[in-house]
Each structure stands twice: as C-alpha cells, then as structure tokens.
Amino acid sequence: MANFQYRAIDAHGKPIEGKMAAPDLYHLERQLQDMGLWLVRTLESKPKSLARPTQKKGRVKPRDLMEFSTHMFTLLEAGIPLTQALQSLSIETPNLHLRSTLHAIFQQVEAGNTLHDAMKQHPRIFPPQITNLVHAGEDSGTLTDTFKELERYLDWLDQIRGDMRQATIYPSIVMIAVIGLLVLLFTFVIPRFVPILEGLHVPLPTITILIITLSELIVGSWWLWSSFLLLGPMVWTLGRKYLPGFAHWRDRMVLQLPVLGELIRMLTISKFVQNFAVLYRAGIPVLQSLQLCQGLVGNSVMERALQDTQRAVSEGSTINESLSRHPVFPPMVIQMISVGEATGTLPHTLMNVAHYYNREIPRRIKKVFGILEPLITLGLIAIVGIVALSLFMPMMSLMGGIH
C-alpha cells in the first residue's frame, strides 16, 4: 500500500486535489471513480514496483485498445470533456507506446483538430475501421456510444484470438514432436540400422527398401528440405502480400481443407459480419462499410467477393443478391441479410448473425481440434509402427529361415 497525492476532476469538471492510499495507480483510479472523481495526474512519481506492468514499447495489442475504449466511454459518459479525457489517459495508460500516442492526439485535439483526424495520423495503432467509427460518432454526436461499441468489438476480437490460441497449443506441440521424431528416425536411427540389415544377407522387403531410400534421400539432400522447412512458412505468409495470385490460390485451398476449412470459413464470415454490423450501425454508408471490410476479413477469396459485392451494390443491386453470387457466403447469412434489408432492420439483423457466430465458433473450435488431436496421435503411432516394422521384418525373415 502506498500513499498517492493526486489531482482529479469531478462530474462538473471542477479540479480536486488530495491524498489517498492504494496498492497502485490502477486501484487508485478505481477508488476515485467510486467517489465520482476522474484522475488527471499524480503529483508524486510512484516507485516502479507499484506501477502496473507496462508492455514493450512499440506494440499495442487489441486488449490495450479495448481498455482505452472502456476508459473513454466511462469518462465521456460522466460528462468529462474530450480533451480532459484524452489528457487523463495520456498520463495513466500503462502501455508506453499507446500513452505517447494519446499524448500526441491530445495535443492535436486541443489545437482544434477532430479526434478522428488526429487518430488517422497513427494508422499502425488505430486502423481504418476504428478511425472511421470515431469519425461517424463525431459527425452524428454519438461519440460516447461509439466507444462502447468499440469496446464490445475489440473484446470479441481478443476473445476469438484467445480461443484460437488456446485450441491450437496442444496440436502445435504434437506436430512439432512428430516432425522432430521423423527427423530423428530418418537421419539417425535408420542410417544406423542399414549396415546391420546389409550384413544379414537376406532379400529386403519392399517397404524396407523404400524406408532406407527415403532416409538416404533426406540425409543426402538435407539442405533442400531444411530450406523448405525454413522458407516454406515465409513464402506462405509473405505470398499474400506480394503475390495476389498465389494468395488467392492459397486461401481457396485453405477453405477447401477437410475439417479445418469450414472452421476457417466461419471465422472469415464472422469477421465480415461483425465488422459490417459495427460500421453500418455507426452510420457509415454501405459502400464505404463494404470497402473497409475487405481489408479486415483476412482471406483473399472473401476480399474479392466483397469487391464484387461493392461494385454490384453501387450499380443498384441489393446486398443479399450480390452476396448470393459467391458460394463462400452461407445461405443462412444471405437469408438473414435479405430479411434485414426487406424489413429495414439490417443493423439489428447483422448483429444477430454476429451473435450466432460468437456462440458457435468457440464450440466449433473445440470440436475441430477435438477431432484433430486423436488423428495426429494415431498418425504418429502409425509412422513409428511402419518404420519399426520395416526395420525388423528382415530380421524376422532371417529367424524364420533358420527355424
């Protein structure tokens, strides 16, 4: 517990100074909020041991942006002026890079710039969907509600990433173990058995010859498969940015994968529906919302479909008619959008679809990886069994000949 000297403001913007004991700045801020006060700054520097842990400068995560949105909503909802809210967060935000960015934004807004224009100067931290939402909120006078919407959206994004990360931990470990075991078998174990098998002077079974040949090929061209293992993931990742044709082929193949393909399609559809719902409900025009969504779905097949949809809508077609021309969109999504367009409740309908995917995706992730885990384990057992059988079959054949 430490004693802090603070400066805060009340709901009417009146400055208040005082002292309070709290474990750290985070709890100090919460205690002041319970009293109807909002922290502006501490007048004494705190010991490092009492500070909330900060992240490495230069990296801002969705969780940091979500906390920023939460605090902005809380301050604006309480009637705190925008400049004072930004000033407070530019002092107390834990992330060093975000803190310095908010300080720059505060200075620009204080100088007379709009918030969205100031945020656009930092595109690596505030992507277009965020700055456009803030723009729409400023134009419509609903900036407070916009930050609440941003909080929900960023929380959803963080949750989806967390579910994917948690679900892929075990399969990733198993796959690394499988690759390591294969390298050990074909570069160390099998070459040690070759002289023994040749010394038996018995005809080798076909499977044994194949295993030995494969081992010799791997050992003799280690530089080739090592380069493939190192460069393959790099080409797979960077090809999306620099080779549009390769990216489209890659993403189309990924969507056609058994088991995983449907999950990836659901994640892609979820990103589109969630982003489109948030943007459209904030008052951003349909064409602009569709254009922004193209860079958010993370799949070039979906991007091209949205480009065609944007073009068709600009020519007078409805959204559901345009989407129905592309098989990547499920019939349920098209039908729901059709109902929303017909009844004039498209924002509400889109949010219902988004809520459906928010519930369904975590269950589907657990189901998919629940299927993959035993398949990977069985594959590992099968590989080890085949290699072991191929090595011991000549010995068993020799023993049978002796008997």
Protein backbone atom coordinates (compact mmCIF):
# COMPACT_ATOMS: atom_id res chain seq x y z
CA MET A 1 0.00 0.00 0.00
CA ALA A 2 1.34 3.42 -1.00
CA ASN A 3 0.22 6.98 -0.38
CA PHE A 4 -0.56 8.93 -3.54
CA GLN A 5 -1.04 12.66 -3.96
CA TYR A 6 -3.46 13.13 -6.82
CA ARG A 7 -5.25 15.69 -8.92
CA ALA A 8 -8.71 14.74 -10.21
CA ILE A 9 -11.86 16.31 -11.62
CA ASP A 10 -15.49 15.76 -10.69
CA ALA A 11 -18.51 15.38 -12.98
CA HIS A 12 -18.68 19.17 -13.43
CA GLY A 13 -15.01 19.44 -14.41
CA LYS A 14 -14.03 21.00 -11.06
CA PRO A 15 -10.38 20.21 -10.15
CA ILE A 16 -9.83 18.43 -6.84
CA GLU A 17 -6.54 17.57 -5.13
CA GLY A 18 -5.95 15.16 -2.28
CA LYS A 19 -4.11 12.15 -0.89
CA MET A 20 -5.17 8.51 -0.87
CA ALA A 21 -3.64 5.13 -0.04
CA ALA A 22 -3.87 2.48 -2.77
CA PRO A 23 -1.87 -0.58 -3.91
CA ASP A 24 -1.10 1.05 -7.27
CA LEU A 25 -2.35 3.60 -9.78
CA TYR A 26 -4.92 1.21 -11.22
CA HIS A 27 -6.67 0.78 -7.85
CA LEU A 28 -6.28 4.50 -7.09
CA GLU A 29 -8.16 5.30 -10.30
CA ARG A 30 -10.92 2.81 -9.42
CA GLN A 31 -11.31 4.22 -5.89
CA LEU A 32 -11.59 7.74 -7.24
CA GLN A 33 -14.18 6.65 -9.80
CA ASP A 34 -16.26 5.15 -6.98
CA MET A 35 -16.22 8.64 -5.41
CA GLY A 36 -17.35 10.24 -8.68
CA LEU A 37 -13.88 11.57 -9.50
CA TRP A 38 -11.64 11.03 -12.52
CA LEU A 39 -7.87 11.00 -12.13
CA VAL A 40 -5.94 13.59 -14.13
CA ARG A 41 -2.44 13.08 -12.75
CA THR A 42 -0.47 12.09 -9.69
CA LEU A 43 1.70 14.86 -8.32
CA GLU A 44 4.32 12.50 -6.97
CA SER A 45 6.20 9.93 -9.04
CA LYS A 46 5.46 6.42 -7.89
CA PRO A 47 8.04 3.67 -7.31
CA LYS A 48 8.41 1.31 -10.23
CA SER A 49 7.40 -1.62 -8.07
CA LEU A 50 3.97 -0.04 -7.58
CA ALA A 51 3.29 0.58 -11.25
CA ARG A 52 1.12 -1.63 -13.35
CA PRO A 53 3.31 -3.69 -15.64
CA THR A 54 3.82 -1.99 -18.98
CA GLN A 55 4.27 -3.71 -22.28
CA LYS A 56 7.22 -3.38 -24.56
CA LYS A 57 7.24 -0.02 -26.32
CA GLY A 58 6.14 -0.20 -29.92
CA ARG A 59 3.49 -2.88 -29.51
CA VAL A 60 -0.18 -2.15 -28.90
CA LYS A 61 -2.50 -5.14 -28.55
CA PRO A 62 -6.28 -5.27 -29.04
CA ARG A 63 -6.54 -5.60 -25.24
CA ASP A 64 -4.83 -2.20 -24.85
CA LEU A 65 -7.21 -0.60 -27.35
CA MET A 66 -10.17 -2.22 -25.59
CA GLU A 67 -9.09 -0.72 -22.24
CA PHE A 68 -8.64 2.65 -23.96
CA SER A 69 -12.18 2.42 -25.40
CA THR A 70 -13.58 1.41 -21.99
CA HIS A 71 -11.95 4.35 -20.24
CA MET A 72 -13.00 6.79 -22.96
CA PHE A 73 -16.61 5.61 -22.69
CA THR A 74 -16.56 5.90 -18.90
CA LEU A 75 -15.12 9.41 -18.92
CA LEU A 76 -17.33 10.74 -21.73
CA GLU A 77 -20.43 9.13 -20.21
CA ALA A 78 -19.68 11.00 -16.98
CA GLY A 79 -19.63 14.28 -18.88
CA ILE A 80 -15.87 14.79 -18.89
CA PRO A 81 -14.80 16.93 -21.90
CA LEU A 82 -12.99 15.08 -24.67
CA THR A 83 -9.69 16.94 -24.21
CA GLN A 84 -9.62 16.26 -20.47
CA ALA A 85 -10.41 12.58 -21.04
CA LEU A 86 -7.56 12.30 -23.55
CA GLN A 87 -5.20 14.16 -21.21
CA SER A 88 -6.00 11.79 -18.35
CA LEU A 89 -5.46 8.68 -20.47
CA SER A 90 -2.27 10.11 -21.99
CA ILE A 91 -0.83 10.19 -18.47
CA GLU A 92 -2.13 6.98 -16.94
CA THR A 93 -2.29 4.47 -19.84
CA PRO A 94 0.06 1.55 -18.95
CA ASN A 95 1.31 0.84 -22.48
CA LEU A 96 4.21 3.22 -23.17
CA HIS A 97 3.67 3.46 -26.93
CA LEU A 98 -0.08 3.98 -26.64
CA ARG A 99 0.50 6.54 -23.89
CA SER A 100 2.84 8.64 -26.04
CA THR A 101 0.44 8.33 -28.99
CA LEU A 102 -2.50 9.52 -26.88
CA HIS A 103 -0.43 12.47 -25.71
CA ALA A 104 0.18 13.46 -29.35
CA ILE A 105 -3.55 13.03 -30.11
CA PHE A 106 -4.46 15.12 -27.05
CA GLN A 107 -2.22 17.95 -28.28
CA GLN A 108 -3.76 17.83 -31.77
CA VAL A 109 -7.35 17.83 -30.44
CA GLU A 110 -6.52 20.64 -28.02
CA ALA A 111 -5.17 22.61 -31.01
CA GLY A 112 -8.55 22.29 -32.74
CA ASN A 113 -8.30 19.11 -34.81
CA THR A 114 -11.03 16.49 -34.74
CA LEU A 115 -10.37 13.25 -32.86
CA HIS A 116 -10.62 11.04 -35.94
CA ASP A 117 -8.18 13.23 -37.88
CA ALA A 118 -5.71 13.03 -35.00
CA MET A 119 -6.10 9.25 -34.77
CA LYS A 120 -5.56 8.86 -38.53
CA GLN A 121 -2.01 10.15 -38.03
CA HIS A 122 -1.25 6.84 -36.25
CA PRO A 123 -2.57 4.11 -38.61
CA ARG A 124 -0.42 1.35 -37.08
CA ILE A 125 -2.25 1.76 -33.77
CA PHE A 126 -5.69 2.91 -34.92
CA PRO A 127 -6.69 1.01 -38.10
CA PRO A 128 -9.24 2.43 -40.56
CA GLN A 129 -12.26 0.67 -39.03
CA ILE A 130 -11.59 2.41 -35.70
CA THR A 131 -10.94 5.88 -37.13
CA ASN A 132 -14.00 5.62 -39.39
CA LEU A 133 -16.18 4.61 -36.46
CA VAL A 134 -14.88 7.56 -34.46
CA HIS A 135 -15.50 9.82 -37.49
CA ALA A 136 -19.10 8.61 -37.72
CA GLY A 137 -19.54 9.06 -33.97
CA GLU A 138 -18.25 12.64 -34.10
CA ASP A 139 -20.44 13.55 -37.08
CA SER A 140 -23.59 12.07 -35.50
CA GLY A 141 -22.89 13.30 -31.97
CA THR A 142 -22.77 9.74 -30.60
CA LEU A 143 -19.05 9.51 -29.79
CA THR A 144 -19.75 8.09 -26.32
CA ASP A 145 -21.80 5.21 -27.74
CA THR A 146 -19.14 4.68 -30.41
CA PHE A 147 -16.51 3.93 -27.77
CA LYS A 148 -18.90 1.48 -26.11
CA GLU A 149 -19.35 -0.24 -29.48
CA LEU A 150 -15.58 -0.29 -29.95
CA GLU A 151 -15.15 -1.88 -26.55
CA ARG A 152 -17.52 -4.72 -27.48
CA TYR A 153 -15.87 -5.22 -30.87
CA LEU A 154 -12.31 -5.31 -29.51
CA ASP A 155 -13.37 -7.63 -26.70
CA TRP A 156 -14.84 -10.00 -29.30
CA LEU A 157 -11.64 -9.82 -31.36
CA ASP A 158 -9.49 -10.58 -28.32
CA GLN A 159 -11.75 -13.48 -27.32
CA ILE A 160 -11.62 -15.09 -30.77
CA ARG A 161 -7.83 -14.84 -30.87
CA GLY A 162 -7.62 -16.29 -27.38
CA ASP A 163 -9.87 -19.23 -28.29
CA MET A 164 -7.79 -19.99 -31.38
CA ARG A 165 -4.52 -19.71 -29.46
CA GLN A 166 -5.74 -21.97 -26.67
CA ALA A 167 -7.17 -24.55 -29.05
CA THR A 168 -4.01 -24.79 -31.16
CA ILE A 169 -1.49 -25.20 -28.33
CA TYR A 170 -1.74 -28.99 -27.99
CA PRO A 171 -1.91 -29.80 -31.74
CA SER A 172 1.05 -27.49 -32.35
CA ILE A 173 3.13 -29.25 -29.70
CA VAL A 174 2.20 -32.65 -31.13
CA MET A 175 3.06 -31.56 -34.69
CA ILE A 176 6.46 -30.27 -33.55
CA ALA A 177 7.04 -33.58 -31.76
CA VAL A 178 6.07 -35.52 -34.91
CA ILE A 179 8.46 -33.52 -37.09
CA GLY A 180 11.24 -33.91 -34.53
CA LEU A 181 10.65 -37.65 -34.31
CA LEU A 182 10.67 -38.05 -38.10
CA VAL A 183 13.94 -36.14 -38.37
CA LEU A 184 15.44 -38.35 -35.64
CA LEU A 185 14.25 -41.57 -37.29
CA PHE A 186 15.34 -40.78 -40.84
CA THR A 187 18.64 -39.02 -40.08
CA PHE A 188 19.92 -41.01 -37.10
CA VAL A 189 18.09 -44.27 -36.33
CA ILE A 190 17.58 -45.71 -39.83
CA PRO A 191 21.17 -44.98 -41.06
CA ARG A 192 22.45 -46.91 -38.01
CA PHE A 193 20.34 -49.93 -38.99
CA VAL A 194 21.44 -50.03 -42.64
CA PRO A 195 24.81 -51.81 -42.03
CA ILE A 196 23.06 -54.34 -39.80
CA LEU A 197 20.42 -55.10 -42.42
CA GLU A 198 23.03 -55.40 -45.18
CA GLY A 199 25.01 -57.82 -43.02
CA LEU A 200 22.07 -60.20 -42.79
CA HIS A 201 22.47 -61.15 -46.48
CA VAL A 202 18.74 -61.65 -46.96
CA PRO A 203 16.43 -60.07 -49.55
CA LEU A 204 14.98 -56.87 -48.09
CA PRO A 205 11.20 -56.33 -48.21
CA THR A 206 9.93 -53.58 -50.49
CA ILE A 207 8.82 -51.42 -47.56
CA THR A 208 12.30 -51.66 -46.00
CA ILE A 209 13.94 -50.62 -49.28
CA LEU A 210 11.57 -47.65 -49.55
CA ILE A 211 12.28 -46.52 -45.98
CA ILE A 212 16.06 -46.82 -46.47
CA THR A 213 15.89 -44.96 -49.81
CA LEU A 214 13.85 -42.18 -48.24
CA SER A 215 16.33 -41.92 -45.37
CA GLU A 216 19.29 -41.69 -47.77
CA LEU A 217 17.44 -39.06 -49.80
CA ILE A 218 16.76 -36.96 -46.70
CA VAL A 219 20.32 -37.27 -45.38
CA GLY A 220 21.86 -36.61 -48.81
CA SER A 221 19.74 -33.53 -49.52
CA TRP A 222 19.39 -32.15 -46.00
CA TRP A 223 19.97 -28.61 -47.29
CA LEU A 224 16.95 -28.92 -49.60
CA TRP A 225 14.35 -29.97 -47.05
CA SER A 226 15.88 -27.68 -44.41
CA SER A 227 15.44 -24.76 -46.81
CA PHE A 228 11.88 -25.88 -47.48
CA LEU A 229 11.07 -26.02 -43.75
CA LEU A 230 12.58 -22.57 -43.22
CA LEU A 231 11.43 -20.78 -46.36
CA GLY A 232 8.08 -22.56 -46.84
CA PRO A 233 6.25 -20.77 -43.99
CA MET A 234 7.83 -17.46 -45.05
CA VAL A 235 6.64 -17.83 -48.65
CA TRP A 236 3.23 -18.99 -47.43
CA THR A 237 2.88 -15.88 -45.27
CA LEU A 238 4.51 -13.20 -47.44
CA GLY A 239 2.91 -14.52 -50.64
CA ARG A 240 -0.39 -12.99 -49.56
CA LYS A 241 1.13 -9.51 -49.54
CA TYR A 242 3.35 -9.63 -52.62
CA LEU A 243 1.76 -12.32 -54.85
CA PRO A 244 -2.01 -11.75 -55.20
CA GLY A 245 -2.48 -14.76 -57.48
CA PHE A 246 -0.70 -17.07 -55.05
CA ALA A 247 -2.65 -15.59 -52.15
CA HIS A 248 -5.99 -16.28 -53.85
CA TRP A 249 -4.96 -19.87 -54.67
CA ARG A 250 -3.69 -20.40 -51.12
CA ASP A 251 -6.83 -19.03 -49.44
CA ARG A 252 -9.09 -21.02 -51.77
CA MET A 253 -7.21 -24.22 -50.93
CA VAL A 254 -7.39 -23.44 -47.20
CA LEU A 255 -11.18 -23.06 -47.39
CA GLN A 256 -11.41 -26.49 -49.07
CA LEU A 257 -9.45 -28.30 -46.35
CA PRO A 258 -11.38 -31.09 -44.62
CA VAL A 259 -12.47 -30.25 -41.06
CA LEU A 260 -10.36 -27.07 -40.81
CA GLY A 261 -11.75 -25.43 -43.96
CA GLU A 262 -15.26 -24.96 -42.58
CA LEU A 263 -13.91 -23.51 -39.32
CA ILE A 264 -11.76 -21.01 -41.22
CA ARG A 265 -14.75 -20.04 -43.37
CA MET A 266 -16.81 -19.45 -40.21
CA LEU A 267 -14.07 -17.25 -38.76
CA THR A 268 -13.87 -15.27 -42.01
CA ILE A 269 -17.65 -14.83 -42.22
CA SER A 270 -17.71 -13.81 -38.55
CA LYS A 271 -15.11 -11.10 -39.18
CA PHE A 272 -17.12 -9.75 -42.11
CA VAL A 273 -20.49 -9.76 -40.32
CA GLN A 274 -19.13 -8.34 -37.07
CA ASN A 275 -17.22 -5.52 -38.78
CA PHE A 276 -20.01 -4.74 -41.24
CA ALA A 277 -22.56 -4.61 -38.41
CA VAL A 278 -20.43 -2.28 -36.29
CA LEU A 279 -19.59 0.04 -39.21
CA TYR A 280 -23.10 0.18 -40.67
CA ARG A 281 -24.78 0.64 -37.29
CA ALA A 282 -22.43 3.56 -36.58
CA GLY A 283 -23.85 5.34 -39.63
CA ILE A 284 -21.07 4.66 -42.12
CA PRO A 285 -22.55 4.27 -45.66
CA VAL A 286 -22.99 0.76 -47.07
CA LEU A 287 -20.41 1.12 -49.85
CA GLN A 288 -17.78 2.51 -47.50
CA SER A 289 -18.54 -0.21 -44.94
CA LEU A 290 -18.10 -2.91 -47.59
CA GLN A 291 -14.83 -1.34 -48.70
CA LEU A 292 -13.47 -1.24 -45.14
CA CYS A 293 -14.47 -4.86 -44.53
CA GLN A 294 -12.35 -6.02 -47.47
CA GLY A 295 -9.15 -5.36 -45.55
CA LEU A 296 -10.43 -6.93 -42.33
CA VAL A 297 -11.56 -10.44 -43.29
CA GLY A 298 -8.05 -11.85 -43.81
CA ASN A 299 -8.95 -14.02 -46.79
CA SER A 300 -8.43 -13.01 -50.44
CA VAL A 301 -11.38 -15.15 -51.64
CA MET A 302 -13.67 -13.21 -49.33
CA GLU A 303 -11.98 -9.94 -50.29
CA ARG A 304 -12.72 -10.48 -54.00
CA ALA A 305 -16.30 -11.43 -53.17
CA LEU A 306 -16.73 -8.21 -51.19
CA GLN A 307 -15.16 -6.19 -54.01
CA ASP A 308 -17.70 -7.66 -56.45
CA THR A 309 -20.48 -7.03 -53.92
CA GLN A 310 -19.45 -3.39 -53.50
CA ARG A 311 -19.41 -2.93 -57.28
CA ALA A 312 -22.83 -4.59 -57.69
CA VAL A 313 -24.41 -2.55 -54.87
CA SER A 314 -23.04 0.67 -56.39
CA GLU A 315 -24.82 -0.32 -59.62
CA GLY A 316 -28.16 -0.75 -57.84
CA SER A 317 -28.18 -4.38 -56.68
CA THR A 318 -29.17 -5.34 -53.14
CA ILE A 319 -26.59 -6.68 -50.71
CA ASN A 320 -28.13 -10.15 -50.44
CA GLU A 321 -28.39 -10.50 -54.24
CA SER A 322 -24.75 -9.56 -54.62
CA LEU A 323 -23.54 -11.89 -51.86
CA SER A 324 -25.59 -14.83 -53.19
CA ARG A 325 -23.39 -14.92 -56.33
CA HIS A 326 -20.45 -16.09 -54.22
CA PRO A 327 -20.54 -19.59 -52.66
CA VAL A 328 -18.21 -18.51 -49.84
CA PHE A 329 -21.23 -16.94 -48.10
CA PRO A 330 -23.53 -19.46 -46.34
CA PRO A 331 -27.24 -19.42 -47.28
CA MET A 332 -28.17 -18.60 -43.67
CA VAL A 333 -26.17 -15.35 -43.76
CA ILE A 334 -27.65 -14.33 -47.13
CA GLN A 335 -31.18 -15.11 -45.95
CA MET A 336 -30.76 -13.10 -42.74
CA ILE A 337 -29.36 -10.12 -44.67
CA SER A 338 -32.28 -10.39 -47.12
CA VAL A 339 -34.76 -10.23 -44.23
CA GLY A 340 -32.91 -7.27 -42.71
CA GLU A 341 -32.94 -5.35 -45.99
CA ALA A 342 -36.62 -6.10 -46.61
CA THR A 343 -37.72 -5.02 -43.10
CA GLY A 344 -35.33 -2.08 -42.72
CA THR A 345 -33.63 -3.71 -39.73
CA LEU A 346 -30.31 -4.61 -41.34
CA PRO A 347 -28.07 -3.39 -38.45
CA HIS A 348 -30.09 -5.42 -35.93
CA THR A 349 -30.13 -8.48 -38.20
CA LEU A 350 -26.37 -8.28 -38.76
CA MET A 351 -25.78 -8.16 -35.01
CA ASN A 352 -27.97 -11.26 -34.57
CA VAL A 353 -25.84 -13.11 -37.12
CA ALA A 354 -22.69 -11.88 -35.37
CA HIS A 355 -24.00 -13.12 -32.00
CA TYR A 356 -24.73 -16.52 -33.55
CA TYR A 357 -21.15 -16.84 -34.76
CA ASN A 358 -19.81 -15.58 -31.43
CA ARG A 359 -21.56 -18.50 -29.73
CA GLU A 360 -20.88 -21.10 -32.41
CA ILE A 361 -17.20 -20.50 -33.19
CA PRO A 362 -15.78 -21.42 -29.73
CA ARG A 363 -17.82 -24.65 -29.80
CA ARG A 364 -16.67 -25.41 -33.34
CA ILE A 365 -13.03 -24.75 -32.40
CA LYS A 366 -13.22 -27.27 -29.55
CA LYS A 367 -14.94 -29.79 -31.81
CA VAL A 368 -12.44 -29.45 -34.68
CA PHE A 369 -9.36 -29.73 -32.53
CA GLY A 370 -11.01 -32.49 -30.53
CA ILE A 371 -11.10 -34.45 -33.81
CA LEU A 372 -7.58 -33.45 -34.89
CA GLU A 373 -5.84 -34.42 -31.64
CA PRO A 374 -6.55 -38.18 -31.84
CA LEU A 375 -5.91 -38.16 -35.61
CA ILE A 376 -2.46 -36.64 -35.09
CA THR A 377 -1.72 -39.13 -32.31
CA LEU A 378 -2.83 -42.08 -34.45
CA GLY A 379 -0.74 -40.77 -37.34
CA LEU A 380 2.31 -40.60 -35.09
CA ILE A 381 1.76 -44.17 -33.89
CA ALA A 382 1.29 -45.37 -37.48
CA ILE A 383 4.52 -43.73 -38.68
CA VAL A 384 6.57 -45.20 -35.84
CA GLY A 385 4.94 -48.60 -36.36
CA ILE A 386 5.66 -48.66 -40.11
CA VAL A 387 9.30 -47.65 -39.62
CA ALA A 388 9.81 -50.20 -36.84
CA LEU A 389 8.16 -52.95 -38.88
CA SER A 390 10.27 -52.18 -41.96
CA LEU A 391 13.47 -52.42 -39.91
CA PHE A 392 12.64 -55.64 -38.08
CA MET A 393 10.98 -57.55 -40.94
CA PRO A 394 14.35 -58.70 -42.43
CA MET A 395 15.46 -59.94 -39.01
CA MET A 396 12.21 -61.85 -38.53
CA SER A 397 12.59 -63.28 -42.06
CA LEU A 398 16.13 -64.47 -41.23
CA MET A 399 14.98 -66.04 -37.96
CA GLY A 400 12.14 -67.79 -39.80
CA GLY A 401 14.63 -69.17 -42.36
CA ILE A 402 16.87 -70.55 -39.60
CA HIS A 403 13.96 -72.36 -37.99
